[in-house]
């Protein structure tokens, strides 16, 4: 009788659809992804524009702008990396929110 023996394993769950290189977009949905991409692009443009300045009379403001724009670029890259790769699942949502 075939009714006595049932399958003992569960069917394999479908994995989330991923882009190449392990990238996933499920954590940055809607308007958040384009905003983060534009933020990254604008911050690198600010760094490049600052580097184009050859002479200045008082450069302290320019150095401060360079520091802020470079920091914004690196932090926005970090955010994109965490949210768009498997690192989000590795760390867990609570640790990502703390970070």
PDB file of N, CA and C in Angstrom:
ATOM      1  N   UNK A   1       0.852  -1.174   0.000  1.00  0.00           N
ATOM      2  CA  UNK A   1       0.000   0.000   0.000  1.00  0.00           C
ATOM      3  C   UNK A   1       0.906   1.249   0.000  1.00  0.00           C
ATOM      4  N   UNK A   2       0.698   2.160  -0.924  1.00  0.00           N
ATOM      5  CA  UNK A   2       1.508   3.355  -1.056  1.00  0.00           C
ATOM      6  C   UNK A   2       1.178   4.421  -0.036  1.00  0.00           C
ATOM      7  N   UNK A   3       0.076   4.300   0.682  1.00  0.00           N
ATOM      8  CA  UNK A   3      -0.315   5.330   1.647  1.00  0.00           C
ATOM      9  C   UNK A   3       0.479   5.277   2.939  1.00  0.00           C
ATOM     10  N   UNK A   4       1.170   4.198   3.206  1.00  0.00           N
ATOM     11  CA  UNK A   4       1.909   4.055   4.453  1.00  0.00           C
ATOM     12  C   UNK A   4       3.165   4.921   4.441  1.00  0.00           C
ATOM     13  N   UNK A   5       3.806   4.998   3.317  1.00  0.00           N
ATOM     14  CA  UNK A   5       5.064   5.735   3.221  1.00  0.00           C
ATOM     15  C   UNK A   5       4.822   7.118   2.619  1.00  0.00           C
ATOM     16  N   UNK A   6       5.180   8.155   3.376  1.00  0.00           N
ATOM     17  CA  UNK A   6       5.081   9.534   2.902  1.00  0.00           C
ATOM     18  C   UNK A   6       6.485  10.087   2.703  1.00  0.00           C
ATOM     19  N   UNK A   7       6.569  11.165   1.981  1.00  0.00           N
ATOM     20  CA  UNK A   7       7.865  11.815   1.813  1.00  0.00           C
ATOM     21  C   UNK A   7       8.323  12.387   3.151  1.00  0.00           C
ATOM     22  N   UNK A   8       9.601  12.231   3.446  1.00  0.00           N
ATOM     23  CA  UNK A   8      10.114  12.687   4.732  1.00  0.00           C
ATOM     24  C   UNK A   8      10.827  14.035   4.644  1.00  0.00           C
ATOM     25  N   UNK A   9      11.017  14.535   3.477  1.00  0.00           N
ATOM     26  CA  UNK A   9      11.683  15.834   3.339  1.00  0.00           C
ATOM     27  C   UNK A   9      10.693  16.868   2.836  1.00  0.00           C
ATOM     28  N   UNK A  10      10.950  18.087   3.225  1.00  0.00           N
ATOM     29  CA  UNK A  10      10.112  19.184   2.764  1.00  0.00           C
ATOM     30  C   UNK A  10      10.617  19.649   1.407  1.00  0.00           C
ATOM     31  N   UNK A  11       9.716  20.155   0.585  1.00  0.00           N
ATOM     32  CA  UNK A  11      10.183  20.673  -0.703  1.00  0.00           C
ATOM     33  C   UNK A  11      11.086  21.897  -0.498  1.00  0.00           C
ATOM     34  N   UNK A  12      12.045  22.044  -1.386  1.00  0.00           N
ATOM     35  CA  UNK A  12      12.995  23.144  -1.270  1.00  0.00           C
ATOM     36  C   UNK A  12      12.308  24.463  -1.578  1.00  0.00           C
ATOM     37  N   UNK A  13      12.499  25.439  -0.674  1.00  0.00           N
ATOM     38  CA  UNK A  13      11.899  26.760  -0.863  1.00  0.00           C
ATOM     39  C   UNK A  13      12.619  27.496  -1.982  1.00  0.00           C
ATOM     40  N   UNK A  14      11.877  28.298  -2.724  1.00  0.00           N
ATOM     41  CA  UNK A  14      12.478  29.073  -3.806  1.00  0.00           C
ATOM     42  C   UNK A  14      13.327  30.191  -3.215  1.00  0.00           C
ATOM     43  N   UNK A  15      14.501  30.361  -3.770  1.00  0.00           N
ATOM     44  CA  UNK A  15      15.384  31.427  -3.309  1.00  0.00           C
ATOM     45  C   UNK A  15      14.961  32.738  -3.952  1.00  0.00           C
ATOM     46  N   UNK A  16      15.285  33.822  -3.261  1.00  0.00           N
ATOM     47  CA  UNK A  16      14.973  35.148  -3.794  1.00  0.00           C
ATOM     48  C   UNK A  16      15.779  35.383  -5.065  1.00  0.00           C
ATOM     49  N   UNK A  17      15.184  36.070  -5.998  1.00  0.00           N
ATOM     50  CA  UNK A  17      15.845  36.357  -7.264  1.00  0.00           C
ATOM     51  C   UNK A  17      16.983  37.343  -7.029  1.00  0.00           C
ATOM     52  N   UNK A  18      18.156  37.023  -7.548  1.00  0.00           N
ATOM     53  CA  UNK A  18      19.331  37.846  -7.310  1.00  0.00           C
ATOM     54  C   UNK A  18      19.942  38.303  -8.619  1.00  0.00           C
ATOM     55  N   UNK A  19      20.568  39.444  -8.538  1.00  0.00           N
ATOM     56  CA  UNK A  19      21.329  39.959  -9.657  1.00  0.00           C
ATOM     57  C   UNK A  19      22.707  39.305  -9.646  1.00  0.00           C
ATOM     58  N   UNK A  20      23.481  39.453 -10.704  1.00  0.00           N
ATOM     59  CA  UNK A  20      24.827  38.857 -10.712  1.00  0.00           C
ATOM     60  C   UNK A  20      25.693  39.374  -9.561  1.00  0.00           C
ATOM     61  N   UNK A  21      26.687  38.594  -9.204  1.00  0.00           N
ATOM     62  CA  UNK A  21      27.643  38.907  -8.140  1.00  0.00           C
ATOM     63  C   UNK A  21      27.004  38.932  -6.756  1.00  0.00           C
ATOM     64  N   UNK A  22      25.924  38.194  -6.532  1.00  0.00           N
ATOM     65  CA  UNK A  22      25.316  38.103  -5.219  1.00  0.00           C
ATOM     66  C   UNK A  22      24.547  39.328  -4.787  1.00  0.00           C
ATOM     67  N   UNK A  23      24.177  40.174  -5.709  1.00  0.00           N
ATOM     68  CA  UNK A  23      23.469  41.402  -5.361  1.00  0.00           C
ATOM     69  C   UNK A  23      21.958  41.152  -5.325  1.00  0.00           C
ATOM     70  N   UNK A  24      21.312  41.687  -4.323  1.00  0.00           N
ATOM     71  CA  UNK A  24      19.866  41.589  -4.211  1.00  0.00           C
ATOM     72  C   UNK A  24      19.298  42.971  -3.907  1.00  0.00           C
ATOM     73  N   UNK A  25      18.122  43.253  -4.418  1.00  0.00           N
ATOM     74  CA  UNK A  25      17.529  44.576  -4.231  1.00  0.00           C
ATOM     75  C   UNK A  25      16.306  44.547  -3.325  1.00  0.00           C
ATOM     76  N   UNK A  26      16.112  43.469  -2.594  1.00  0.00           N
ATOM     77  CA  UNK A  26      14.883  43.362  -1.808  1.00  0.00           C
ATOM     78  C   UNK A  26      14.865  44.250  -0.567  1.00  0.00           C
ATOM     79  N   UNK A  27      16.017  44.743  -0.112  1.00  0.00           N
ATOM     80  CA  UNK A  27      16.049  45.590   1.083  1.00  0.00           C
ATOM     81  C   UNK A  27      15.958  47.073   0.766  1.00  0.00           C
ATOM     82  N   UNK A  28      16.194  47.451  -0.469  1.00  0.00           N
ATOM     83  CA  UNK A  28      16.067  48.849  -0.894  1.00  0.00           C
ATOM     84  C   UNK A  28      15.023  48.910  -1.995  1.00  0.00           C
ATOM     85  N   UNK A  29      13.792  48.931  -1.603  1.00  0.00           N
ATOM     86  CA  UNK A  29      12.698  48.951  -2.580  1.00  0.00           C
ATOM     87  C   UNK A  29      12.133  50.344  -2.735  1.00  0.00           C
ATOM     88  N   UNK A  30      11.429  50.536  -3.820  1.00  0.00           N
ATOM     89  CA  UNK A  30      10.736  51.798  -4.039  1.00  0.00           C
ATOM     90  C   UNK A  30      11.690  52.941  -4.298  1.00  0.00           C
ATOM     91  N   UNK A  31      11.488  54.022  -3.609  1.00  0.00           N
ATOM     92  CA  UNK A  31      12.249  55.246  -3.836  1.00  0.00           C
ATOM     93  C   UNK A  31      13.601  55.236  -3.155  1.00  0.00           C
ATOM     94  N   UNK A  32      13.853  54.303  -2.243  1.00  0.00           N
ATOM     95  CA  UNK A  32      15.094  54.305  -1.470  1.00  0.00           C
ATOM     96  C   UNK A  32      16.324  53.991  -2.310  1.00  0.00           C
ATOM     97  N   UNK A  33      16.218  53.054  -3.236  1.00  0.00           N
ATOM     98  CA  UNK A  33      17.370  52.704  -4.062  1.00  0.00           C
ATOM     99  C   UNK A  33      17.810  53.854  -4.960  1.00  0.00           C
ATOM    100  N   UNK A  34      16.910  54.491  -5.724  1.00  0.00           N
ATOM    101  CA  UNK A  34      17.371  55.622  -6.548  1.00  0.00           C
ATOM    102  C   UNK A  34      17.947  56.767  -5.722  1.00  0.00           C
ATOM    103  N   UNK A  35      17.401  57.014  -4.532  1.00  0.00           N
ATOM    104  CA  UNK A  35      17.923  58.091  -3.683  1.00  0.00           C
ATOM    105  C   UNK A  35      19.353  57.776  -3.253  1.00  0.00           C
ATOM    106  N   UNK A  36      19.613  56.549  -2.852  1.00  0.00           N
ATOM    107  CA  UNK A  36      20.971  56.170  -2.429  1.00  0.00           C
ATOM    108  C   UNK A  36      21.946  56.206  -3.603  1.00  0.00           C
ATOM    109  N   UNK A  37      21.506  55.806  -4.782  1.00  0.00           N
ATOM    110  CA  UNK A  37      22.376  55.853  -5.957  1.00  0.00           C
ATOM    111  C   UNK A  37      22.697  57.297  -6.318  1.00  0.00           C
ATOM    112  N   UNK A  38      21.676  58.176  -6.318  1.00  0.00           N
ATOM    113  CA  UNK A  38      21.920  59.592  -6.609  1.00  0.00           C
ATOM    114  C   UNK A  38      22.820  60.228  -5.554  1.00  0.00           C
ATOM    115  N   UNK A  39      22.642  59.860  -4.306  1.00  0.00           N
ATOM    116  CA  UNK A  39      23.489  60.381  -3.241  1.00  0.00           C
ATOM    117  C   UNK A  39      24.949  59.995  -3.479  1.00  0.00           C
ATOM    118  N   UNK A  40      25.181  58.765  -3.879  1.00  0.00           N
ATOM    119  CA  UNK A  40      26.537  58.308  -4.156  1.00  0.00           C
ATOM    120  C   UNK A  40      27.134  59.055  -5.342  1.00  0.00           C
ATOM    121  N   UNK A  41      26.347  59.219  -6.400  1.00  0.00           N
ATOM    122  CA  UNK A  41      26.835  59.921  -7.594  1.00  0.00           C
ATOM    123  C   UNK A  41      27.138  61.379  -7.281  1.00  0.00           C
ATOM    124  N   UNK A  42      26.238  62.057  -6.585  1.00  0.00           N
ATOM    125  CA  UNK A  42      26.452  63.465  -6.266  1.00  0.00           C
ATOM    126  C   UNK A  42      27.652  63.666  -5.345  1.00  0.00           C
ATOM    127  N   UNK A  43      27.873  62.755  -4.420  1.00  0.00           N
ATOM    128  CA  UNK A  43      29.013  62.919  -3.511  1.00  0.00           C
ATOM    129  C   UNK A  43      30.335  62.702  -4.238  1.00  0.00           C
ATOM    130  N   UNK A  44      30.397  61.779  -5.197  1.00  0.00           N
ATOM    131  CA  UNK A  44      31.644  61.610  -5.947  1.00  0.00           C
ATOM    132  C   UNK A  44      31.859  62.782  -6.901  1.00  0.00           C
ATOM    133  N   UNK A  45      30.775  63.351  -7.439  1.00  0.00           N
ATOM    134  CA  UNK A  45      30.907  64.552  -8.268  1.00  0.00           C
ATOM    135  C   UNK A  45      31.441  65.707  -7.431  1.00  0.00           C
ATOM    136  N   UNK A  46      31.009  65.816  -6.188  1.00  0.00           N
ATOM    137  CA  UNK A  46      31.509  66.870  -5.300  1.00  0.00           C
ATOM    138  C   UNK A  46      32.999  66.691  -5.033  1.00  0.00           C
ATOM    139  N   UNK A  47      33.445  65.457  -4.845  1.00  0.00           N
ATOM    140  CA  UNK A  47      34.866  65.202  -4.630  1.00  0.00           C
ATOM    141  C   UNK A  47      35.669  65.606  -5.866  1.00  0.00           C
ATOM    142  N   UNK A  48      35.177  65.242  -7.039  1.00  0.00           N
ATOM    143  CA  UNK A  48      35.876  65.571  -8.290  1.00  0.00           C
ATOM    144  C   UNK A  48      35.918  67.086  -8.490  1.00  0.00           C
ATOM    145  N   UNK A  49      34.811  67.757  -8.248  1.00  0.00           N
ATOM    146  CA  UNK A  49      34.772  69.225  -8.405  1.00  0.00           C
ATOM    147  C   UNK A  49      35.741  69.907  -7.443  1.00  0.00           C
ATOM    148  N   UNK A  50      35.857  69.395  -6.240  1.00  0.00           N
ATOM    149  CA  UNK A  50      36.784  69.976  -5.277  1.00  0.00           C
ATOM    150  C   UNK A  50      38.217  69.805  -5.744  1.00  0.00           C
ATOM    151  N   UNK A  51      38.517  68.684  -6.370  1.00  0.00           N
ATOM    152  CA  UNK A  51      39.873  68.435  -6.841  1.00  0.00           C
ATOM    153  C   UNK A  51      40.243  69.326  -8.032  1.00  0.00           C
ATOM    154  N   UNK A  52      39.257  69.887  -8.702  1.00  0.00           N
ATOM    155  CA  UNK A  52      39.523  70.761  -9.844  1.00  0.00           C
ATOM    156  C   UNK A  52      40.006  72.148  -9.429  1.00  0.00           C
ATOM    157  N   UNK A  53      39.778  72.522  -8.178  1.00  0.00           N
ATOM    158  CA  UNK A  53      40.212  73.830  -7.686  1.00  0.00           C
ATOM    159  C   UNK A  53      41.729  73.809  -7.537  1.00  0.00           C
ATOM    160  N   UNK A  54      42.407  74.732  -8.242  1.00  0.00           N
ATOM    161  CA  UNK A  54      43.865  74.748  -8.210  1.00  0.00           C
ATOM    162  C   UNK A  54      44.416  75.721  -7.172  1.00  0.00           C
ATOM    163  N   UNK A  55      43.756  76.867  -7.005  1.00  0.00           N
ATOM    164  CA  UNK A  55      44.239  77.864  -6.053  1.00  0.00           C
ATOM    165  C   UNK A  55      43.087  78.363  -5.192  1.00  0.00           C
ATOM    166  N   UNK A  56      43.400  78.671  -3.940  1.00  0.00           N
ATOM    167  CA  UNK A  56      42.419  79.296  -3.065  1.00  0.00           C
ATOM    168  C   UNK A  56      43.160  80.165  -2.060  1.00  0.00           C
ATOM    169  N   UNK A  57      42.484  81.212  -1.603  1.00  0.00           N
ATOM    170  CA  UNK A  57      43.113  82.142  -0.657  1.00  0.00           C
ATOM    171  C   UNK A  57      43.071  81.559   0.751  1.00  0.00           C
ATOM    172  N   UNK A  58      41.880  81.217   1.205  1.00  0.00           N
ATOM    173  CA  UNK A  58      41.739  80.536   2.489  1.00  0.00           C
ATOM    174  C   UNK A  58      41.123  79.169   2.212  1.00  0.00           C
ATOM    175  N   UNK A  59      41.901  78.158   2.388  1.00  0.00           N
ATOM    176  CA  UNK A  59      41.494  76.818   1.951  1.00  0.00           C
ATOM    177  C   UNK A  59      40.817  75.985   3.033  1.00  0.00           C
ATOM    178  N   UNK A  60      40.624  76.520   4.203  1.00  0.00           N
ATOM    179  CA  UNK A  60      40.043  75.706   5.274  1.00  0.00           C
ATOM    180  C   UNK A  60      38.630  75.242   4.934  1.00  0.00           C
ATOM    181  N   UNK A  61      37.825  76.109   4.332  1.00  0.00           N
ATOM    182  CA  UNK A  61      36.475  75.706   3.929  1.00  0.00           C
ATOM    183  C   UNK A  61      36.494  74.660   2.833  1.00  0.00           C
ATOM    184  N   UNK A  62      37.443  74.772   1.929  1.00  0.00           N
ATOM    185  CA  UNK A  62      37.577  73.799   0.847  1.00  0.00           C
ATOM    186  C   UNK A  62      37.992  72.435   1.383  1.00  0.00           C
ATOM    187  N   UNK A  63      38.907  72.422   2.352  1.00  0.00           N
ATOM    188  CA  UNK A  63      39.320  71.156   2.959  1.00  0.00           C
ATOM    189  C   UNK A  63      38.170  70.515   3.736  1.00  0.00           C
ATOM    190  N   UNK A  64      37.388  71.336   4.406  1.00  0.00           N
ATOM    191  CA  UNK A  64      36.222  70.818   5.122  1.00  0.00           C
ATOM    192  C   UNK A  64      35.209  70.219   4.139  1.00  0.00           C
ATOM    193  N   UNK A  65      34.973  70.905   3.026  1.00  0.00           N
ATOM    194  CA  UNK A  65      34.074  70.396   1.991  1.00  0.00           C
ATOM    195  C   UNK A  65      34.598  69.084   1.425  1.00  0.00           C
ATOM    196  N   UNK A  66      35.912  68.995   1.222  1.00  0.00           N
ATOM    197  CA  UNK A  66      36.509  67.760   0.712  1.00  0.00           C
ATOM    198  C   UNK A  66      36.285  66.612   1.690  1.00  0.00           C
ATOM    199  N   UNK A  67      36.497  66.881   2.975  1.00  0.00           N
ATOM    200  CA  UNK A  67      36.296  65.853   3.994  1.00  0.00           C
ATOM    201  C   UNK A  67      34.840  65.381   4.028  1.00  0.00           C
ATOM    202  N   UNK A  68      33.907  66.318   4.001  1.00  0.00           N
ATOM    203  CA  UNK A  68      32.489  65.971   4.073  1.00  0.00           C
ATOM    204  C   UNK A  68      32.043  65.203   2.835  1.00  0.00           C
ATOM    205  N   UNK A  69      32.440  65.660   1.651  1.00  0.00           N
ATOM    206  CA  UNK A  69      31.998  64.992   0.424  1.00  0.00           C
ATOM    207  C   UNK A  69      32.623  63.604   0.289  1.00  0.00           C
ATOM    208  N   UNK A  70      33.877  63.463   0.681  1.00  0.00           N
ATOM    209  CA  UNK A  70      34.514  62.147   0.624  1.00  0.00           C
ATOM    210  C   UNK A  70      33.888  61.197   1.646  1.00  0.00           C
ATOM    211  N   UNK A  71      33.592  61.699   2.838  1.00  0.00           N
ATOM    212  CA  UNK A  71      32.926  60.875   3.856  1.00  0.00           C
ATOM    213  C   UNK A  71      31.539  60.455   3.404  1.00  0.00           C
ATOM    214  N   UNK A  72      30.805  61.374   2.787  1.00  0.00           N
ATOM    215  CA  UNK A  72      29.465  61.038   2.286  1.00  0.00           C
ATOM    216  C   UNK A  72      29.548  59.970   1.207  1.00  0.00           C
ATOM    217  N   UNK A  73      30.540  60.063   0.341  1.00  0.00           N
ATOM    218  CA  UNK A  73      30.711  59.061  -0.715  1.00  0.00           C
ATOM    219  C   UNK A  73      31.002  57.691  -0.122  1.00  0.00           C
ATOM    220  N   UNK A  74      31.939  57.620   0.807  1.00  0.00           N
ATOM    221  CA  UNK A  74      32.296  56.328   1.390  1.00  0.00           C
ATOM    222  C   UNK A  74      31.146  55.723   2.203  1.00  0.00           C
ATOM    223  N   UNK A  75      30.435  56.552   2.952  1.00  0.00           N
ATOM    224  CA  UNK A  75      29.319  56.033   3.746  1.00  0.00           C
ATOM    225  C   UNK A  75      28.153  55.583   2.867  1.00  0.00           C
ATOM    226  N   UNK A  76      27.889  56.308   1.781  1.00  0.00           N
ATOM    227  CA  UNK A  76      26.804  55.880   0.895  1.00  0.00           C
ATOM    228  C   UNK A  76      27.174  54.600   0.158  1.00  0.00           C
ATOM    229  N   UNK A  77      28.458  54.416  -0.173  1.00  0.00           N
ATOM    230  CA  UNK A  77      28.893  53.138  -0.752  1.00  0.00           C
ATOM    231  C   UNK A  77      28.723  51.997   0.250  1.00  0.00           C
ATOM    232  N   UNK A  78      29.057  52.269   1.501  1.00  0.00           N
ATOM    233  CA  UNK A  78      28.890  51.256   2.540  1.00  0.00           C
ATOM    234  C   UNK A  78      27.420  50.869   2.700  1.00  0.00           C
ATOM    235  N   UNK A  79      26.544  51.850   2.701  1.00  0.00           N
ATOM    236  CA  UNK A  79      25.110  51.577   2.827  1.00  0.00           C
ATOM    237  C   UNK A  79      24.611  50.749   1.652  1.00  0.00           C
ATOM    238  N   UNK A  80      25.008  51.126   0.449  1.00  0.00           N
ATOM    239  CA  UNK A  80      24.602  50.346  -0.724  1.00  0.00           C
ATOM    240  C   UNK A  80      25.136  48.925  -0.653  1.00  0.00           C
ATOM    241  N   UNK A  81      26.368  48.762  -0.212  1.00  0.00           N
ATOM    242  CA  UNK A  81      26.956  47.432  -0.117  1.00  0.00           C
ATOM    243  C   UNK A  81      26.210  46.572   0.898  1.00  0.00           C
ATOM    244  N   UNK A  82      25.918  47.135   2.061  1.00  0.00           N
ATOM    245  CA  UNK A  82      25.238  46.361   3.110  1.00  0.00           C
ATOM    246  C   UNK A  82      23.833  45.973   2.671  1.00  0.00           C
ATOM    247  N   UNK A  83      23.084  46.916   2.128  1.00  0.00           N
ATOM    248  CA  UNK A  83      21.690  46.648   1.787  1.00  0.00           C
ATOM    249  C   UNK A  83      21.518  45.835   0.504  1.00  0.00           C
ATOM    250  N   UNK A  84      22.499  45.845  -0.370  1.00  0.00           N
ATOM    251  CA  UNK A  84      22.341  45.180  -1.668  1.00  0.00           C
ATOM    252  C   UNK A  84      23.126  43.882  -1.786  1.00  0.00           C
ATOM    253  N   UNK A  85      23.705  43.394  -0.704  1.00  0.00           N
ATOM    254  CA  UNK A  85      24.410  42.112  -0.741  1.00  0.00           C
ATOM    255  C   UNK A  85      23.904  41.223   0.390  1.00  0.00           C
ATOM    256  N   UNK A  86      24.518  40.055   0.496  1.00  0.00           N
ATOM    257  CA  UNK A  86      24.133  39.099   1.535  1.00  0.00           C
ATOM    258  C   UNK A  86      24.601  39.508   2.928  1.00  0.00           C
ATOM    259  N   UNK A  87      25.367  40.570   3.025  1.00  0.00           N
ATOM    260  CA  UNK A  87      25.837  41.035   4.320  1.00  0.00           C
ATOM    261  C   UNK A  87      24.678  41.429   5.231  1.00  0.00           C
ATOM    262  N   UNK A  88      23.577  41.903   4.649  1.00  0.00           N
ATOM    263  CA  UNK A  88      22.400  42.284   5.433  1.00  0.00           C
ATOM    264  C   UNK A  88      21.874  41.081   6.214  1.00  0.00           C
ATOM    265  N   UNK A  89      21.759  39.926   5.551  1.00  0.00           N
ATOM    266  CA  UNK A  89      21.284  38.722   6.236  1.00  0.00           C
ATOM    267  C   UNK A  89      22.318  38.210   7.231  1.00  0.00           C
ATOM    268  N   UNK A  90      23.604  38.361   6.908  1.00  0.00           N
ATOM    269  CA  UNK A  90      24.655  37.878   7.803  1.00  0.00           C
ATOM    270  C   UNK A  90      24.654  38.640   9.126  1.00  0.00           C
ATOM    271  N   UNK A  91      24.517  39.945   9.044  1.00  0.00           N
ATOM    272  CA  UNK A  91      24.530  40.762  10.257  1.00  0.00           C
ATOM    273  C   UNK A  91      23.214  40.693  11.013  1.00  0.00           C
ATOM    274  N   UNK A  92      22.120  40.648  10.302  1.00  0.00           N
ATOM    275  CA  UNK A  92      20.810  40.697  10.929  1.00  0.00           C
ATOM    276  C   UNK A  92      20.259  42.109  10.925  1.00  0.00           C
ATOM    277  N   UNK A  93      18.947  42.231  10.893  1.00  0.00           N
ATOM    278  CA  UNK A  93      18.316  43.541  10.776  1.00  0.00           C
ATOM    279  C   UNK A  93      18.614  44.442  11.979  1.00  0.00           C
ATOM    280  N   UNK A  94      18.663  43.882  13.176  1.00  0.00           N
ATOM    281  CA  UNK A  94      18.910  44.699  14.372  1.00  0.00           C
ATOM    282  C   UNK A  94      20.303  45.325  14.332  1.00  0.00           C
ATOM    283  N   UNK A  95      21.307  44.557  13.933  1.00  0.00           N
ATOM    284  CA  UNK A  95      22.661  45.100  13.876  1.00  0.00           C
ATOM    285  C   UNK A  95      22.817  46.110  12.751  1.00  0.00           C
ATOM    286  N   UNK A  96      22.122  45.884  11.641  1.00  0.00           N
ATOM    287  CA  UNK A  96      22.182  46.843  10.536  1.00  0.00           C
ATOM    288  C   UNK A  96      21.559  48.168  10.971  1.00  0.00           C
ATOM    289  N   UNK A  97      20.451  48.122  11.686  1.00  0.00           N
ATOM    290  CA  UNK A  97      19.816  49.347  12.161  1.00  0.00           C
ATOM    291  C   UNK A  97      20.716  50.087  13.146  1.00  0.00           C
ATOM    292  N   UNK A  98      21.426  49.352  14.010  1.00  0.00           N
ATOM    293  CA  UNK A  98      22.390  49.984  14.935  1.00  0.00           C
ATOM    294  C   UNK A  98      23.520  50.640  14.178  1.00  0.00           C
ATOM    295  N   UNK A  99      24.010  49.931  13.170  1.00  0.00           N
ATOM    296  CA  UNK A  99      25.129  50.428  12.385  1.00  0.00           C
ATOM    297  C   UNK A  99      24.753  51.722  11.680  1.00  0.00           C
TER     298      UNK A  99
END
